[in-house]
Amino acid sequence: MNTQNYCNRYSGLSGRIVLFALLLVQVIGPIRADEQHNATEQFRVALNTPGAFVLMRHALAPGTGDPDQFSEQDCSTQRNLSQGGRDQAVRIGAKLREYSAGPFAVYSSAWCRCMDTAKLLDLGPVEKLPALNSFFRQWEREQLQTDQLNNWMAEREPDGIPVLVTHQVNITALTDVYPTSGEMVVVTLDNDHSVRVLGRLAID
């Protein structure tokens, strides 16, 4: 940007405000790009760390919770992925394959929006894991399922990179991270089985 030209074009207080705003955009843009690059590299390293797990919130599914007539066996009674969410899941799967040679082992909540996300990742067969099911409508199950998931992770024999497709409430209960739709949180377990976050990444 030619600062002198802008100075000539904008005079007075309002002109200086406009100029300041333009300069601020020039500064903030590169900073945010650099932050995104650093987050991506941190995620890439975390993904390939031995013993790491990928906790992923299902892709975009407009709304909150599920309808009152919810049935686990009937997708038409559930909140499902939008077309944007389906496309997002495909992009996420492509990024995971770009960032790691795998192999991946994919597990999912039984909820249709999670199963659909897991399948669209195209990382391999998908296995249902009850501990990943949402407890949004059954908060009394929060501690039980969180303990079950923690124990499952602690006891799992290494076999590829586990990708666990689940819900916001499950991820937050385990990690204290509030993920956006489709966001991935890479974690590992310390010797006392406590969860440690190594990296996170959201792909629109």
C-alpha atoms as a PDB file:
ATOM      1  CA  MET A   1       0.000   0.000   0.000  1.00  0.00           C
ATOM      2  CA  ASN A   2       1.312   3.486  -0.915  1.00  0.00           C
ATOM      3  CA  THR A   3       0.915   5.322   2.393  1.00  0.00           C
ATOM      4  CA  GLN A   4       1.632   8.732   0.889  1.00  0.00           C
ATOM      5  CA  ASN A   5      -1.187   8.349  -1.636  1.00  0.00           C
ATOM      6  CA  TYR A   6      -3.594   7.469   1.148  1.00  0.00           C
ATOM      7  CA  CYS A   7      -2.397  10.393   3.228  1.00  0.00           C
ATOM      8  CA  ASN A   8      -3.085  12.700   0.290  1.00  0.00           C
ATOM      9  CA  ARG A   9      -6.483  11.138  -0.345  1.00  0.00           C
ATOM     10  CA  TYR A  10      -7.685  11.185   3.254  1.00  0.00           C
ATOM     11  CA  SER A  11      -7.228  14.377   5.219  1.00  0.00           C
ATOM     12  CA  GLY A  12      -8.441  15.385   8.643  1.00  0.00           C
ATOM     13  CA  LEU A  13      -9.481  13.184  11.548  1.00  0.00           C
ATOM     14  CA  SER A  14     -11.742  10.882   9.524  1.00  0.00           C
ATOM     15  CA  GLY A  15      -9.000  10.348   6.983  1.00  0.00           C
ATOM     16  CA  ARG A  16      -6.497   9.419   9.673  1.00  0.00           C
ATOM     17  CA  ILE A  17      -9.001   6.928  11.123  1.00  0.00           C
ATOM     18  CA  VAL A  18      -9.435   5.288   7.708  1.00  0.00           C
ATOM     19  CA  LEU A  19      -5.680   5.148   7.219  1.00  0.00           C
ATOM     20  CA  PHE A  20      -5.179   3.606  10.667  1.00  0.00           C
ATOM     21  CA  ALA A  21      -7.805   0.963   9.890  1.00  0.00           C
ATOM     22  CA  LEU A  22      -6.105   0.082   6.606  1.00  0.00           C
ATOM     23  CA  LEU A  23      -2.728  -0.213   8.311  1.00  0.00           C
ATOM     24  CA  LEU A  24      -4.270  -2.375  11.034  1.00  0.00           C
ATOM     25  CA  VAL A  25      -5.668  -4.777   8.434  1.00  0.00           C
ATOM     26  CA  GLN A  26      -2.196  -5.098   6.918  1.00  0.00           C
ATOM     27  CA  VAL A  27      -0.718  -5.997  10.306  1.00  0.00           C
ATOM     28  CA  ILE A  28      -3.458  -8.332  11.582  1.00  0.00           C
ATOM     29  CA  GLY A  29      -3.779 -10.328   8.353  1.00  0.00           C
ATOM     30  CA  PRO A  30      -0.217 -11.766   8.393  1.00  0.00           C
ATOM     31  CA  ILE A  31      -0.404 -12.370  12.166  1.00  0.00           C
ATOM     32  CA  ARG A  32      -3.544 -14.475  11.821  1.00  0.00           C
ATOM     33  CA  ALA A  33      -2.078 -16.371   8.860  1.00  0.00           C
ATOM     34  CA  ASP A  34       1.044 -17.106  10.898  1.00  0.00           C
ATOM     35  CA  GLU A  35      -1.059 -18.280  13.856  1.00  0.00           C
ATOM     36  CA  GLN A  36      -3.028 -20.622  11.585  1.00  0.00           C
ATOM     37  CA  HIS A  37       0.208 -21.994  10.123  1.00  0.00           C
ATOM     38  CA  ASN A  38       1.604 -22.641  13.610  1.00  0.00           C
ATOM     39  CA  ALA A  39      -1.620 -24.366  14.714  1.00  0.00           C
ATOM     40  CA  THR A  40      -1.564 -26.564  11.611  1.00  0.00           C
ATOM     41  CA  GLU A  41       2.051 -27.599  12.171  1.00  0.00           C
ATOM     42  CA  GLN A  42       1.376 -28.282  15.854  1.00  0.00           C
ATOM     43  CA  PHE A  43      -1.586 -30.435  14.848  1.00  0.00           C
ATOM     44  CA  ARG A  44       0.476 -32.330  12.274  1.00  0.00           C
ATOM     45  CA  VAL A  45       3.146 -33.171  14.856  1.00  0.00           C
ATOM     46  CA  ALA A  46       0.500 -34.121  17.438  1.00  0.00           C
ATOM     47  CA  LEU A  47      -1.324 -36.359  14.963  1.00  0.00           C
ATOM     48  CA  ASN A  48       1.824 -38.385  14.359  1.00  0.00           C
ATOM     49  CA  THR A  49       2.781 -38.675  18.035  1.00  0.00           C
ATOM     50  CA  PRO A  50       2.805 -42.324  19.211  1.00  0.00           C
ATOM     51  CA  GLY A  51      -0.109 -42.993  21.544  1.00  0.00           C
ATOM     52  CA  ALA A  52      -2.145 -40.013  20.376  1.00  0.00           C
ATOM     53  CA  PHE A  53      -5.926 -40.019  19.901  1.00  0.00           C
ATOM     54  CA  VAL A  54      -7.969 -37.725  17.662  1.00  0.00           C
ATOM     55  CA  LEU A  55     -11.210 -36.575  19.259  1.00  0.00           C
ATOM     56  CA  MET A  56     -13.430 -35.088  16.578  1.00  0.00           C
ATOM     57  CA  ARG A  57     -16.752 -33.325  16.880  1.00  0.00           C
ATOM     58  CA  HIS A  58     -19.126 -34.374  14.106  1.00  0.00           C
ATOM     59  CA  ALA A  59     -19.323 -32.088  11.082  1.00  0.00           C
ATOM     60  CA  LEU A  60     -21.893 -29.321  10.621  1.00  0.00           C
ATOM     61  CA  ALA A  61     -25.401 -30.360  11.680  1.00  0.00           C
ATOM     62  CA  PRO A  62     -27.645 -27.309  12.148  1.00  0.00           C
ATOM     63  CA  GLY A  63     -29.491 -27.008  15.448  1.00  0.00           C
ATOM     64  CA  THR A  64     -28.903 -28.147  19.013  1.00  0.00           C
ATOM     65  CA  GLY A  65     -29.530 -31.515  20.629  1.00  0.00           C
ATOM     66  CA  ASP A  66     -32.132 -33.803  19.051  1.00  0.00           C
ATOM     67  CA  PRO A  67     -35.917 -33.760  18.552  1.00  0.00           C
ATOM     68  CA  ASP A  68     -38.134 -35.084  21.331  1.00  0.00           C
ATOM     69  CA  GLN A  69     -39.011 -38.133  19.220  1.00  0.00           C
ATOM     70  CA  PHE A  70     -35.315 -39.080  18.944  1.00  0.00           C
ATOM     71  CA  SER A  71     -34.574 -42.726  18.177  1.00  0.00           C
ATOM     72  CA  GLU A  72     -31.042 -44.044  17.865  1.00  0.00           C
ATOM     73  CA  GLN A  73     -32.217 -46.500  15.203  1.00  0.00           C
ATOM     74  CA  ASP A  74     -33.994 -43.915  13.022  1.00  0.00           C
ATOM     75  CA  CYS A  75     -31.945 -41.141  11.424  1.00  0.00           C
ATOM     76  CA  SER A  76     -35.105 -39.271  10.418  1.00  0.00           C
ATOM     77  CA  THR A  77     -35.752 -38.547  14.116  1.00  0.00           C
ATOM     78  CA  GLN A  78     -32.295 -37.050  14.641  1.00  0.00           C
ATOM     79  CA  ARG A  79     -30.419 -33.861  13.860  1.00  0.00           C
ATOM     80  CA  ASN A  80     -28.365 -34.691  10.789  1.00  0.00           C
ATOM     81  CA  LEU A  81     -25.512 -33.314   8.720  1.00  0.00           C
ATOM     82  CA  SER A  82     -26.296 -30.556   6.262  1.00  0.00           C
ATOM     83  CA  GLN A  83     -24.813 -30.777   2.783  1.00  0.00           C
ATOM     84  CA  GLY A  84     -22.212 -28.340   4.026  1.00  0.00           C
ATOM     85  CA  GLY A  85     -21.441 -30.743   6.865  1.00  0.00           C
ATOM     86  CA  ARG A  86     -21.085 -33.673   4.489  1.00  0.00           C
ATOM     87  CA  ASP A  87     -18.701 -31.683   2.315  1.00  0.00           C
ATOM     88  CA  GLN A  88     -16.795 -30.584   5.422  1.00  0.00           C
ATOM     89  CA  ALA A  89     -16.315 -34.205   6.536  1.00  0.00           C
ATOM     90  CA  VAL A  90     -14.854 -35.100   3.134  1.00  0.00           C
ATOM     91  CA  ARG A  91     -12.390 -32.199   3.389  1.00  0.00           C
ATOM     92  CA  ILE A  92     -11.372 -33.204   6.904  1.00  0.00           C
ATOM     93  CA  GLY A  93     -10.677 -36.768   5.817  1.00  0.00           C
ATOM     94  CA  ALA A  94      -8.526 -35.513   2.950  1.00  0.00           C
ATOM     95  CA  LYS A  95      -6.534 -33.312   5.351  1.00  0.00           C
ATOM     96  CA  LEU A  96      -5.947 -36.185   7.755  1.00  0.00           C
ATOM     97  CA  ARG A  97      -4.600 -38.325   4.911  1.00  0.00           C
ATOM     98  CA  GLU A  98      -2.420 -35.389   3.852  1.00  0.00           C
ATOM     99  CA  TYR A  99      -1.023 -34.882   7.353  1.00  0.00           C
ATOM    100  CA  SER A 100      -0.365 -38.553   8.133  1.00  0.00           C
ATOM    101  CA  ALA A 101       0.127 -41.833   6.292  1.00  0.00           C
ATOM    102  CA  GLY A 102      -1.926 -43.537   9.014  1.00  0.00           C
ATOM    103  CA  PRO A 103      -3.174 -46.187   9.256  1.00  0.00           C
ATOM    104  CA  PHE A 104      -6.283 -44.855  10.965  1.00  0.00           C
ATOM    105  CA  ALA A 105      -8.736 -46.697  13.193  1.00  0.00           C
ATOM    106  CA  VAL A 106     -12.125 -44.958  13.190  1.00  0.00           C
ATOM    107  CA  TYR A 107     -14.660 -45.145  16.024  1.00  0.00           C
ATOM    108  CA  SER A 108     -17.941 -43.303  16.293  1.00  0.00           C
ATOM    109  CA  SER A 109     -20.941 -42.445  18.361  1.00  0.00           C
ATOM    110  CA  ALA A 110     -24.015 -44.327  17.143  1.00  0.00           C
ATOM    111  CA  TRP A 111     -25.747 -41.021  16.350  1.00  0.00           C
ATOM    112  CA  CYS A 112     -26.297 -40.685  12.592  1.00  0.00           C
ATOM    113  CA  ARG A 113     -24.502 -37.343  12.267  1.00  0.00           C
ATOM    114  CA  CYS A 114     -21.413 -38.930  13.805  1.00  0.00           C
ATOM    115  CA  MET A 115     -21.588 -42.152  11.799  1.00  0.00           C
ATOM    116  CA  ASP A 116     -22.088 -40.188   8.587  1.00  0.00           C
ATOM    117  CA  THR A 117     -19.129 -37.955   9.443  1.00  0.00           C
ATOM    118  CA  ALA A 118     -16.953 -40.973  10.246  1.00  0.00           C
ATOM    119  CA  LYS A 119     -17.813 -42.728   6.980  1.00  0.00           C
ATOM    120  CA  LEU A 120     -17.325 -39.607   4.871  1.00  0.00           C
ATOM    121  CA  LEU A 121     -13.815 -39.200   6.284  1.00  0.00           C
ATOM    122  CA  ASP A 122     -12.993 -42.249   4.153  1.00  0.00           C
ATOM    123  CA  LEU A 123     -10.251 -43.443   6.496  1.00  0.00           C
ATOM    124  CA  GLY A 124     -11.404 -47.064   6.763  1.00  0.00           C
ATOM    125  CA  PRO A 125     -14.085 -49.131   8.487  1.00  0.00           C
ATOM    126  CA  VAL A 126     -16.070 -47.440  11.242  1.00  0.00           C
ATOM    127  CA  GLU A 127     -16.793 -49.119  14.570  1.00  0.00           C
ATOM    128  CA  LYS A 128     -19.435 -47.873  16.991  1.00  0.00           C
ATOM    129  CA  LEU A 129     -18.210 -47.104  20.502  1.00  0.00           C
ATOM    130  CA  PRO A 130     -21.001 -46.527  23.068  1.00  0.00           C
ATOM    131  CA  ALA A 131     -18.813 -44.315  25.261  1.00  0.00           C
ATOM    132  CA  LEU A 132     -18.855 -41.778  22.405  1.00  0.00           C
ATOM    133  CA  ASN A 133     -22.655 -41.476  22.382  1.00  0.00           C
ATOM    134  CA  SER A 134     -24.082 -38.100  23.337  1.00  0.00           C
ATOM    135  CA  PHE A 135     -25.301 -37.567  26.911  1.00  0.00           C
ATOM    136  CA  PHE A 136     -26.780 -34.146  26.062  1.00  0.00           C
ATOM    137  CA  ARG A 137     -30.251 -35.403  27.042  1.00  0.00           C
ATOM    138  CA  GLN A 138     -28.924 -37.541  29.913  1.00  0.00           C
ATOM    139  CA  TRP A 139     -26.504 -35.423  31.898  1.00  0.00           C
ATOM    140  CA  GLU A 140     -26.473 -37.970  34.695  1.00  0.00           C
ATOM    141  CA  ARG A 141     -24.373 -40.141  32.359  1.00  0.00           C
ATOM    142  CA  GLU A 142     -21.609 -37.547  31.899  1.00  0.00           C
ATOM    143  CA  GLN A 143     -19.171 -38.877  34.495  1.00  0.00           C
ATOM    144  CA  LEU A 144     -19.902 -42.538  33.725  1.00  0.00           C
ATOM    145  CA  GLN A 145     -19.297 -42.181  29.992  1.00  0.00           C
ATOM    146  CA  THR A 146     -16.283 -39.944  30.458  1.00  0.00           C
ATOM    147  CA  ASP A 147     -14.720 -42.543  32.756  1.00  0.00           C
ATOM    148  CA  GLN A 148     -15.599 -45.309  30.303  1.00  0.00           C
ATOM    149  CA  LEU A 149     -13.949 -43.449  27.434  1.00  0.00           C
ATOM    150  CA  ASN A 150     -10.870 -42.650  29.502  1.00  0.00           C
ATOM    151  CA  ASN A 151     -10.540 -46.315  30.509  1.00  0.00           C
ATOM    152  CA  TRP A 152     -11.037 -47.478  26.925  1.00  0.00           C
ATOM    153  CA  MET A 153      -8.266 -45.169  25.761  1.00  0.00           C
ATOM    154  CA  ALA A 154      -5.947 -46.336  28.548  1.00  0.00           C
ATOM    155  CA  GLU A 155      -6.508 -50.017  27.745  1.00  0.00           C
ATOM    156  CA  ARG A 156      -6.442 -49.812  23.954  1.00  0.00           C
ATOM    157  CA  GLU A 157      -3.593 -51.607  22.234  1.00  0.00           C
ATOM    158  CA  PRO A 158      -1.754 -49.452  19.657  1.00  0.00           C
ATOM    159  CA  ASP A 159      -3.215 -50.135  16.211  1.00  0.00           C
ATOM    160  CA  GLY A 160      -3.077 -47.146  13.913  1.00  0.00           C
ATOM    161  CA  ILE A 161      -4.171 -43.614  14.788  1.00  0.00           C
ATOM    162  CA  PRO A 162      -7.547 -43.723  16.587  1.00  0.00           C
ATOM    163  CA  VAL A 163     -10.048 -41.165  15.277  1.00  0.00           C
ATOM    164  CA  LEU A 164     -13.000 -40.874  17.654  1.00  0.00           C
ATOM    165  CA  VAL A 165     -16.010 -39.086  16.154  1.00  0.00           C
ATOM    166  CA  THR A 166     -18.287 -37.838  18.884  1.00  0.00           C
ATOM    167  CA  HIS A 167     -20.139 -34.796  20.284  1.00  0.00           C
ATOM    168  CA  GLN A 168     -19.162 -31.453  21.797  1.00  0.00           C
ATOM    169  CA  VAL A 169     -20.339 -32.433  25.283  1.00  0.00           C
ATOM    170  CA  ASN A 170     -18.216 -35.589  25.294  1.00  0.00           C
ATOM    171  CA  ILE A 171     -15.070 -33.792  24.170  1.00  0.00           C
ATOM    172  CA  THR A 172     -15.560 -30.935  26.620  1.00  0.00           C
ATOM    173  CA  ALA A 173     -16.135 -33.318  29.535  1.00  0.00           C
ATOM    174  CA  LEU A 174     -12.893 -35.140  28.749  1.00  0.00           C
ATOM    175  CA  THR A 175     -10.644 -32.225  27.788  1.00  0.00           C
ATOM    176  CA  ASP A 176     -12.276 -28.923  28.865  1.00  0.00           C
ATOM    177  CA  VAL A 177     -12.039 -27.893  25.185  1.00  0.00           C
ATOM    178  CA  TYR A 178     -15.219 -26.573  23.520  1.00  0.00           C
ATOM    179  CA  PRO A 179     -14.770 -27.647  19.881  1.00  0.00           C
ATOM    180  CA  THR A 180     -16.537 -26.190  16.876  1.00  0.00           C
ATOM    181  CA  SER A 181     -18.307 -28.479  14.403  1.00  0.00           C
ATOM    182  CA  GLY A 182     -15.742 -30.692  12.695  1.00  0.00           C
ATOM    183  CA  GLU A 183     -12.902 -29.570  14.969  1.00  0.00           C
ATOM    184  CA  MET A 184     -10.281 -32.142  15.929  1.00  0.00           C
ATOM    185  CA  VAL A 185      -8.517 -32.270  19.300  1.00  0.00           C
ATOM    186  CA  VAL A 186      -5.443 -34.495  19.550  1.00  0.00           C
ATOM    187  CA  VAL A 187      -4.806 -35.866  23.028  1.00  0.00           C
ATOM    188  CA  THR A 188      -2.634 -38.366  24.808  1.00  0.00           C
ATOM    189  CA  LEU A 189      -2.832 -39.985  28.229  1.00  0.00           C
ATOM    190  CA  ASP A 190      -0.200 -39.394  30.895  1.00  0.00           C
ATOM    191  CA  ASN A 191       0.952 -42.163  33.227  1.00  0.00           C
ATOM    192  CA  ASP A 192      -1.888 -41.417  35.642  1.00  0.00           C
ATOM    193  CA  HIS A 193      -4.369 -41.640  32.719  1.00  0.00           C
ATOM    194  CA  SER A 194      -5.039 -37.905  32.810  1.00  0.00           C
ATOM    195  CA  VAL A 195      -5.768 -36.382  29.400  1.00  0.00           C
ATOM    196  CA  ARG A 196      -3.308 -33.945  27.856  1.00  0.00           C
ATOM    197  CA  VAL A 197      -4.152 -31.891  24.761  1.00  0.00           C
ATOM    198  CA  LEU A 198      -1.363 -31.885  22.149  1.00  0.00           C
ATOM    199  CA  GLY A 199      -3.022 -29.873  19.394  1.00  0.00           C
ATOM    200  CA  ARG A 200      -6.294 -28.936  17.768  1.00  0.00           C
ATOM    201  CA  LEU A 201      -7.470 -27.935  14.336  1.00  0.00           C
ATOM    202  CA  ALA A 202     -10.728 -26.782  12.766  1.00  0.00           C
ATOM    203  CA  ILE A 203     -11.286 -27.211   9.045  1.00  0.00           C
ATOM    204  CA  ASP A 204     -14.239 -25.314   7.581  1.00  0.00           C
END
